[in-house]
Amino acid sequence: MIVAAFDFDGTLTRRDSLIPFLARHAGPAATTRGLVAAATTRGDRSARKQALLHRTLMGRSEGDVAEAGEAYAARLVARGLRRDVLALLDDHRSNGHRPVIVSASPELYVRAAGRLLGIDDVLGTRLEVDELGRLTGRYHGRNCIGDEKVSRLDDWIDGREVTLLYAYGNSAGDEALLARAAVPTRV
């Protein structure tokens, strides 16, 4: 099988999707407070992102956030995608290749966008849910960026006969994914 791995934000989409999602779901004020928390958090990008998620999503029902993610994904797919990269996705599909999305954005809405694009396999940042079905504001596992993208893709590939891997990305967070591919493309 030939696989085409696509980053989501800035690759399939025209821009970042997380902040607009949070603003639509949690509201501008909560998102602004989350951005302030992220800006004052020590650590790397993943730590700052977790502070943002903690401040905006902690205590919210997973079902409610997933429902908001479905609506957001529909809006994003209708208006926020890059036509040039969608053409590449369509070319891969028409050649019988298997597309996969590998994203640092939360699977809660990227998976919904993937379904709308006809992509069954979405590897993204997973959010931890407590026993009451509420988001904790923490990751379930690691943030799916950099080497974690490769790790998650390799886990997905394990047991499948992949003969060729294409990868598409646009940022420093995609460098490891692009390096893993036989045919890397920076868009």
C-alpha atoms as a PDB file:
ATOM      1  CA  MET A   1       0.000   0.000   0.000  1.00  0.00           C
ATOM      2  CA  ILE A   2       1.116   3.549  -0.709  1.00  0.00           C
ATOM      3  CA  VAL A   3       0.384   6.034   2.077  1.00  0.00           C
ATOM      4  CA  ALA A   4       0.091   9.823   1.865  1.00  0.00           C
ATOM      5  CA  ALA A   5       0.431  11.475   5.296  1.00  0.00           C
ATOM      6  CA  PHE A   6      -0.923  15.018   5.515  1.00  0.00           C
ATOM      7  CA  ASP A   7      -0.408  17.514   8.289  1.00  0.00           C
ATOM      8  CA  PHE A   8      -3.621  19.442   9.005  1.00  0.00           C
ATOM      9  CA  ASP A   9      -2.983  23.048  10.130  1.00  0.00           C
ATOM     10  CA  GLY A  10      -1.470  25.159   7.389  1.00  0.00           C
ATOM     11  CA  THR A  11      -1.169  22.132   5.115  1.00  0.00           C
ATOM     12  CA  LEU A  12      -4.738  21.005   4.474  1.00  0.00           C
ATOM     13  CA  THR A  13      -6.127  24.144   6.113  1.00  0.00           C
ATOM     14  CA  ARG A  14      -5.175  27.695   5.243  1.00  0.00           C
ATOM     15  CA  ARG A  15      -4.231  28.523   8.820  1.00  0.00           C
ATOM     16  CA  ASP A  16      -4.126  27.288  12.383  1.00  0.00           C
ATOM     17  CA  SER A  17      -7.391  25.692  13.478  1.00  0.00           C
ATOM     18  CA  LEU A  18      -7.016  25.369  17.255  1.00  0.00           C
ATOM     19  CA  ILE A  19      -7.417  28.997  18.360  1.00  0.00           C
ATOM     20  CA  PRO A  20     -10.475  29.592  16.116  1.00  0.00           C
ATOM     21  CA  PHE A  21     -12.016  26.344  17.410  1.00  0.00           C
ATOM     22  CA  LEU A  22     -11.473  27.363  21.023  1.00  0.00           C
ATOM     23  CA  ALA A  23     -12.847  30.855  20.358  1.00  0.00           C
ATOM     24  CA  ARG A  24     -15.990  29.389  18.769  1.00  0.00           C
ATOM     25  CA  HIS A  25     -16.516  26.751  21.458  1.00  0.00           C
ATOM     26  CA  ALA A  26     -15.208  28.298  24.683  1.00  0.00           C
ATOM     27  CA  GLY A  27     -15.710  31.916  23.655  1.00  0.00           C
ATOM     28  CA  PRO A  28     -13.301  34.776  23.011  1.00  0.00           C
ATOM     29  CA  ALA A  29     -12.846  35.711  26.681  1.00  0.00           C
ATOM     30  CA  ALA A  30     -11.954  32.165  27.792  1.00  0.00           C
ATOM     31  CA  THR A  31      -9.662  31.777  24.792  1.00  0.00           C
ATOM     32  CA  THR A  32      -7.902  35.039  25.608  1.00  0.00           C
ATOM     33  CA  ARG A  33      -7.401  33.897  29.211  1.00  0.00           C
ATOM     34  CA  GLY A  34      -6.057  30.608  27.854  1.00  0.00           C
ATOM     35  CA  LEU A  35      -3.628  32.413  25.558  1.00  0.00           C
ATOM     36  CA  VAL A  36      -2.388  34.485  28.512  1.00  0.00           C
ATOM     37  CA  ALA A  37      -1.917  31.291  30.543  1.00  0.00           C
ATOM     38  CA  ALA A  38      -0.010  29.754  27.632  1.00  0.00           C
ATOM     39  CA  ALA A  39       2.196  32.820  27.234  1.00  0.00           C
ATOM     40  CA  THR A  40       3.170  32.753  30.918  1.00  0.00           C
ATOM     41  CA  THR A  41       3.814  28.998  31.053  1.00  0.00           C
ATOM     42  CA  ARG A  42       7.394  27.811  31.208  1.00  0.00           C
ATOM     43  CA  GLY A  43       8.463  25.048  28.924  1.00  0.00           C
ATOM     44  CA  ASP A  44       8.213  24.138  25.284  1.00  0.00           C
ATOM     45  CA  ARG A  45       5.404  24.548  22.783  1.00  0.00           C
ATOM     46  CA  SER A  46       3.636  21.446  24.051  1.00  0.00           C
ATOM     47  CA  ALA A  47       3.585  22.756  27.623  1.00  0.00           C
ATOM     48  CA  ARG A  48       2.187  26.106  26.491  1.00  0.00           C
ATOM     49  CA  LYS A  49      -0.447  24.394  24.345  1.00  0.00           C
ATOM     50  CA  GLN A  50      -1.475  22.213  27.279  1.00  0.00           C
ATOM     51  CA  ALA A  51      -1.848  25.339  29.447  1.00  0.00           C
ATOM     52  CA  LEU A  52      -4.128  26.799  26.767  1.00  0.00           C
ATOM     53  CA  LEU A  53      -6.213  23.619  26.591  1.00  0.00           C
ATOM     54  CA  HIS A  54      -6.360  23.364  30.382  1.00  0.00           C
ATOM     55  CA  ARG A  55      -7.618  26.926  30.721  1.00  0.00           C
ATOM     56  CA  THR A  56     -10.225  26.650  27.930  1.00  0.00           C
ATOM     57  CA  LEU A  57     -11.451  23.037  28.011  1.00  0.00           C
ATOM     58  CA  MET A  58     -10.966  21.668  31.538  1.00  0.00           C
ATOM     59  CA  GLY A  59     -14.257  20.445  33.000  1.00  0.00           C
ATOM     60  CA  ARG A  60     -16.171  20.566  29.733  1.00  0.00           C
ATOM     61  CA  SER A  61     -18.127  17.532  28.606  1.00  0.00           C
ATOM     62  CA  GLU A  62     -16.288  15.467  26.005  1.00  0.00           C
ATOM     63  CA  GLY A  63     -19.602  14.987  24.197  1.00  0.00           C
ATOM     64  CA  ASP A  64     -20.281  18.719  24.068  1.00  0.00           C
ATOM     65  CA  VAL A  65     -16.786  19.480  22.801  1.00  0.00           C
ATOM     66  CA  ALA A  66     -17.016  16.668  20.238  1.00  0.00           C
ATOM     67  CA  GLU A  67     -20.371  18.038  19.051  1.00  0.00           C
ATOM     68  CA  ALA A  68     -18.858  21.509  18.725  1.00  0.00           C
ATOM     69  CA  GLY A  69     -15.959  19.877  16.884  1.00  0.00           C
ATOM     70  CA  GLU A  70     -18.337  18.328  14.345  1.00  0.00           C
ATOM     71  CA  ALA A  71     -19.901  21.722  13.598  1.00  0.00           C
ATOM     72  CA  TYR A  72     -16.492  23.409  13.459  1.00  0.00           C
ATOM     73  CA  ALA A  73     -15.118  20.737  11.122  1.00  0.00           C
ATOM     74  CA  ALA A  74     -18.052  21.188   8.739  1.00  0.00           C
ATOM     75  CA  ARG A  75     -17.423  24.932   8.617  1.00  0.00           C
ATOM     76  CA  LEU A  76     -13.679  24.441   8.192  1.00  0.00           C
ATOM     77  CA  VAL A  77     -14.051  21.897   5.377  1.00  0.00           C
ATOM     78  CA  ALA A  78     -16.583  24.143   3.613  1.00  0.00           C
ATOM     79  CA  ARG A  79     -14.454  27.306   3.736  1.00  0.00           C
ATOM     80  CA  GLY A  80     -11.003  26.880   5.200  1.00  0.00           C
ATOM     81  CA  LEU A  81      -9.082  24.347   3.126  1.00  0.00           C
ATOM     82  CA  ARG A  82      -6.280  24.802   0.637  1.00  0.00           C
ATOM     83  CA  ARG A  83      -7.391  23.860  -2.867  1.00  0.00           C
ATOM     84  CA  ASP A  84      -3.838  23.102  -4.008  1.00  0.00           C
ATOM     85  CA  VAL A  85      -3.360  20.519  -1.258  1.00  0.00           C
ATOM     86  CA  LEU A  86      -6.862  19.113  -1.736  1.00  0.00           C
ATOM     87  CA  ALA A  87      -5.864  18.494  -5.368  1.00  0.00           C
ATOM     88  CA  LEU A  88      -2.853  16.500  -4.120  1.00  0.00           C
ATOM     89  CA  LEU A  89      -5.133  14.542  -1.775  1.00  0.00           C
ATOM     90  CA  ASP A  90      -7.507  13.801  -4.656  1.00  0.00           C
ATOM     91  CA  ASP A  91      -4.592  12.672  -6.855  1.00  0.00           C
ATOM     92  CA  HIS A  92      -3.456  10.236  -4.178  1.00  0.00           C
ATOM     93  CA  ARG A  93      -6.957   8.865  -3.750  1.00  0.00           C
ATOM     94  CA  SER A  94      -7.497   8.483  -7.499  1.00  0.00           C
ATOM     95  CA  ASN A  95      -4.252   6.481  -7.640  1.00  0.00           C
ATOM     96  CA  GLY A  96      -5.461   4.147  -4.894  1.00  0.00           C
ATOM     97  CA  HIS A  97      -3.184   5.565  -2.183  1.00  0.00           C
ATOM     98  CA  ARG A  98      -4.301   5.664   1.448  1.00  0.00           C
ATOM     99  CA  PRO A  99      -4.443   9.166   2.957  1.00  0.00           C
ATOM    100  CA  VAL A 100      -3.757   9.716   6.658  1.00  0.00           C
ATOM    101  CA  ILE A 101      -3.943  12.961   8.624  1.00  0.00           C
ATOM    102  CA  VAL A 102      -1.182  13.403  11.219  1.00  0.00           C
ATOM    103  CA  SER A 103      -1.843  16.534  13.270  1.00  0.00           C
ATOM    104  CA  ALA A 104      -0.930  18.326  16.467  1.00  0.00           C
ATOM    105  CA  SER A 105      -4.526  19.571  16.644  1.00  0.00           C
ATOM    106  CA  PRO A 106      -7.047  17.687  18.787  1.00  0.00           C
ATOM    107  CA  GLU A 107      -8.533  14.556  17.293  1.00  0.00           C
ATOM    108  CA  LEU A 108     -11.916  15.750  18.633  1.00  0.00           C
ATOM    109  CA  TYR A 109     -12.419  17.920  15.573  1.00  0.00           C
ATOM    110  CA  VAL A 110      -9.704  16.786  13.165  1.00  0.00           C
ATOM    111  CA  ARG A 111     -11.277  13.325  13.021  1.00  0.00           C
ATOM    112  CA  ALA A 112     -14.610  14.941  12.070  1.00  0.00           C
ATOM    113  CA  ALA A 113     -12.866  16.956   9.337  1.00  0.00           C
ATOM    114  CA  GLY A 114     -11.170  13.777   8.145  1.00  0.00           C
ATOM    115  CA  ARG A 115     -14.517  12.001   7.818  1.00  0.00           C
ATOM    116  CA  LEU A 116     -15.876  14.898   5.760  1.00  0.00           C
ATOM    117  CA  LEU A 117     -12.815  14.649   3.518  1.00  0.00           C
ATOM    118  CA  GLY A 118     -13.207  10.875   3.193  1.00  0.00           C
ATOM    119  CA  ILE A 119     -10.142  10.141   5.327  1.00  0.00           C
ATOM    120  CA  ASP A 120     -10.695   7.370   7.863  1.00  0.00           C
ATOM    121  CA  ASP A 121      -7.301   7.488   9.515  1.00  0.00           C
ATOM    122  CA  VAL A 122      -6.592  10.520  11.695  1.00  0.00           C
ATOM    123  CA  LEU A 123      -3.726  10.676  14.147  1.00  0.00           C
ATOM    124  CA  GLY A 124      -3.893  13.767  16.312  1.00  0.00           C
ATOM    125  CA  THR A 125      -3.413  15.038  19.803  1.00  0.00           C
ATOM    126  CA  ARG A 126      -5.683  13.126  22.148  1.00  0.00           C
ATOM    127  CA  LEU A 127      -7.268  14.867  25.102  1.00  0.00           C
ATOM    128  CA  GLU A 128      -7.609  13.195  28.473  1.00  0.00           C
ATOM    129  CA  VAL A 129     -11.138  12.514  29.721  1.00  0.00           C
ATOM    130  CA  ASP A 130     -11.989  11.764  33.354  1.00  0.00           C
ATOM    131  CA  GLU A 131     -14.370   9.081  34.627  1.00  0.00           C
ATOM    132  CA  LEU A 132     -17.299  11.546  34.384  1.00  0.00           C
ATOM    133  CA  GLY A 133     -16.699  12.181  30.675  1.00  0.00           C
ATOM    134  CA  ARG A 134     -15.170  15.614  31.257  1.00  0.00           C
ATOM    135  CA  LEU A 135     -11.986  16.911  29.693  1.00  0.00           C
ATOM    136  CA  THR A 136      -9.152  17.334  32.181  1.00  0.00           C
ATOM    137  CA  GLY A 137      -7.276  19.897  30.104  1.00  0.00           C
ATOM    138  CA  ARG A 138      -4.339  17.488  29.777  1.00  0.00           C
ATOM    139  CA  TYR A 139      -3.118  15.364  26.901  1.00  0.00           C
ATOM    140  CA  HIS A 140      -3.886  11.664  26.771  1.00  0.00           C
ATOM    141  CA  GLY A 141      -0.379  10.636  25.775  1.00  0.00           C
ATOM    142  CA  ARG A 142       1.833  13.195  24.097  1.00  0.00           C
ATOM    143  CA  ASN A 143       1.150  16.210  21.918  1.00  0.00           C
ATOM    144  CA  CYS A 144       1.282  14.895  18.333  1.00  0.00           C
ATOM    145  CA  ILE A 145       4.063  17.142  17.061  1.00  0.00           C
ATOM    146  CA  GLY A 146       7.625  16.570  15.837  1.00  0.00           C
ATOM    147  CA  ASP A 147       8.933  13.102  16.658  1.00  0.00           C
ATOM    148  CA  GLU A 148       5.549  12.140  18.118  1.00  0.00           C
ATOM    149  CA  LYS A 149       4.037  12.455  14.629  1.00  0.00           C
ATOM    150  CA  VAL A 150       6.541   9.863  13.395  1.00  0.00           C
ATOM    151  CA  SER A 151       5.946   7.614  16.395  1.00  0.00           C
ATOM    152  CA  ARG A 152       2.177   7.707  15.942  1.00  0.00           C
ATOM    153  CA  LEU A 153       2.459   7.135  12.178  1.00  0.00           C
ATOM    154  CA  ASP A 154       4.864   4.228  12.697  1.00  0.00           C
ATOM    155  CA  ASP A 155       2.443   2.678  15.210  1.00  0.00           C
ATOM    156  CA  TRP A 156      -0.344   3.044  12.650  1.00  0.00           C
ATOM    157  CA  ILE A 157       1.847   1.519   9.899  1.00  0.00           C
ATOM    158  CA  ASP A 158       2.922  -1.423  12.097  1.00  0.00           C
ATOM    159  CA  GLY A 159       1.548  -4.601  10.557  1.00  0.00           C
ATOM    160  CA  ARG A 160       0.597  -2.953   7.282  1.00  0.00           C
ATOM    161  CA  GLU A 161       2.605  -3.461   4.141  1.00  0.00           C
ATOM    162  CA  VAL A 162       3.527   0.087   3.182  1.00  0.00           C
ATOM    163  CA  THR A 163       5.636   0.246   0.035  1.00  0.00           C
ATOM    164  CA  LEU A 164       5.928   4.020  -0.277  1.00  0.00           C
ATOM    165  CA  LEU A 165       5.275   6.933   2.068  1.00  0.00           C
ATOM    166  CA  TYR A 166       4.510  10.459   0.920  1.00  0.00           C
ATOM    167  CA  ALA A 167       4.272  13.253   3.494  1.00  0.00           C
ATOM    168  CA  TYR A 168       3.048  16.831   3.321  1.00  0.00           C
ATOM    169  CA  GLY A 169       3.730  19.514   5.901  1.00  0.00           C
ATOM    170  CA  ASN A 170       4.339  23.205   6.284  1.00  0.00           C
ATOM    171  CA  SER A 171       6.066  23.912   9.582  1.00  0.00           C
ATOM    172  CA  ALA A 172       8.935  23.021  11.890  1.00  0.00           C
ATOM    173  CA  GLY A 173       6.551  20.675  13.729  1.00  0.00           C
ATOM    174  CA  ASP A 174       6.356  18.607  10.530  1.00  0.00           C
ATOM    175  CA  GLU A 175      10.100  18.246   9.890  1.00  0.00           C
ATOM    176  CA  ALA A 176      10.361  14.793  11.477  1.00  0.00           C
ATOM    177  CA  LEU A 177       7.329  13.584   9.501  1.00  0.00           C
ATOM    178  CA  LEU A 178       8.804  14.918   6.274  1.00  0.00           C
ATOM    179  CA  ALA A 179      12.166  13.296   7.073  1.00  0.00           C
ATOM    180  CA  ARG A 180      10.426   9.940   7.624  1.00  0.00           C
ATOM    181  CA  ALA A 181       8.832   9.963   4.151  1.00  0.00           C
ATOM    182  CA  ALA A 182      10.369   8.656   0.958  1.00  0.00           C
ATOM    183  CA  VAL A 183       8.641  11.531  -0.859  1.00  0.00           C
ATOM    184  CA  PRO A 184       8.456  14.610   1.409  1.00  0.00           C
ATOM    185  CA  THR A 185       6.758  17.805   0.252  1.00  0.00           C
ATOM    186  CA  ARG A 186       6.791  21.115   2.090  1.00  0.00           C
ATOM    187  CA  VAL A 187       3.717  23.118   1.089  1.00  0.00           C
END
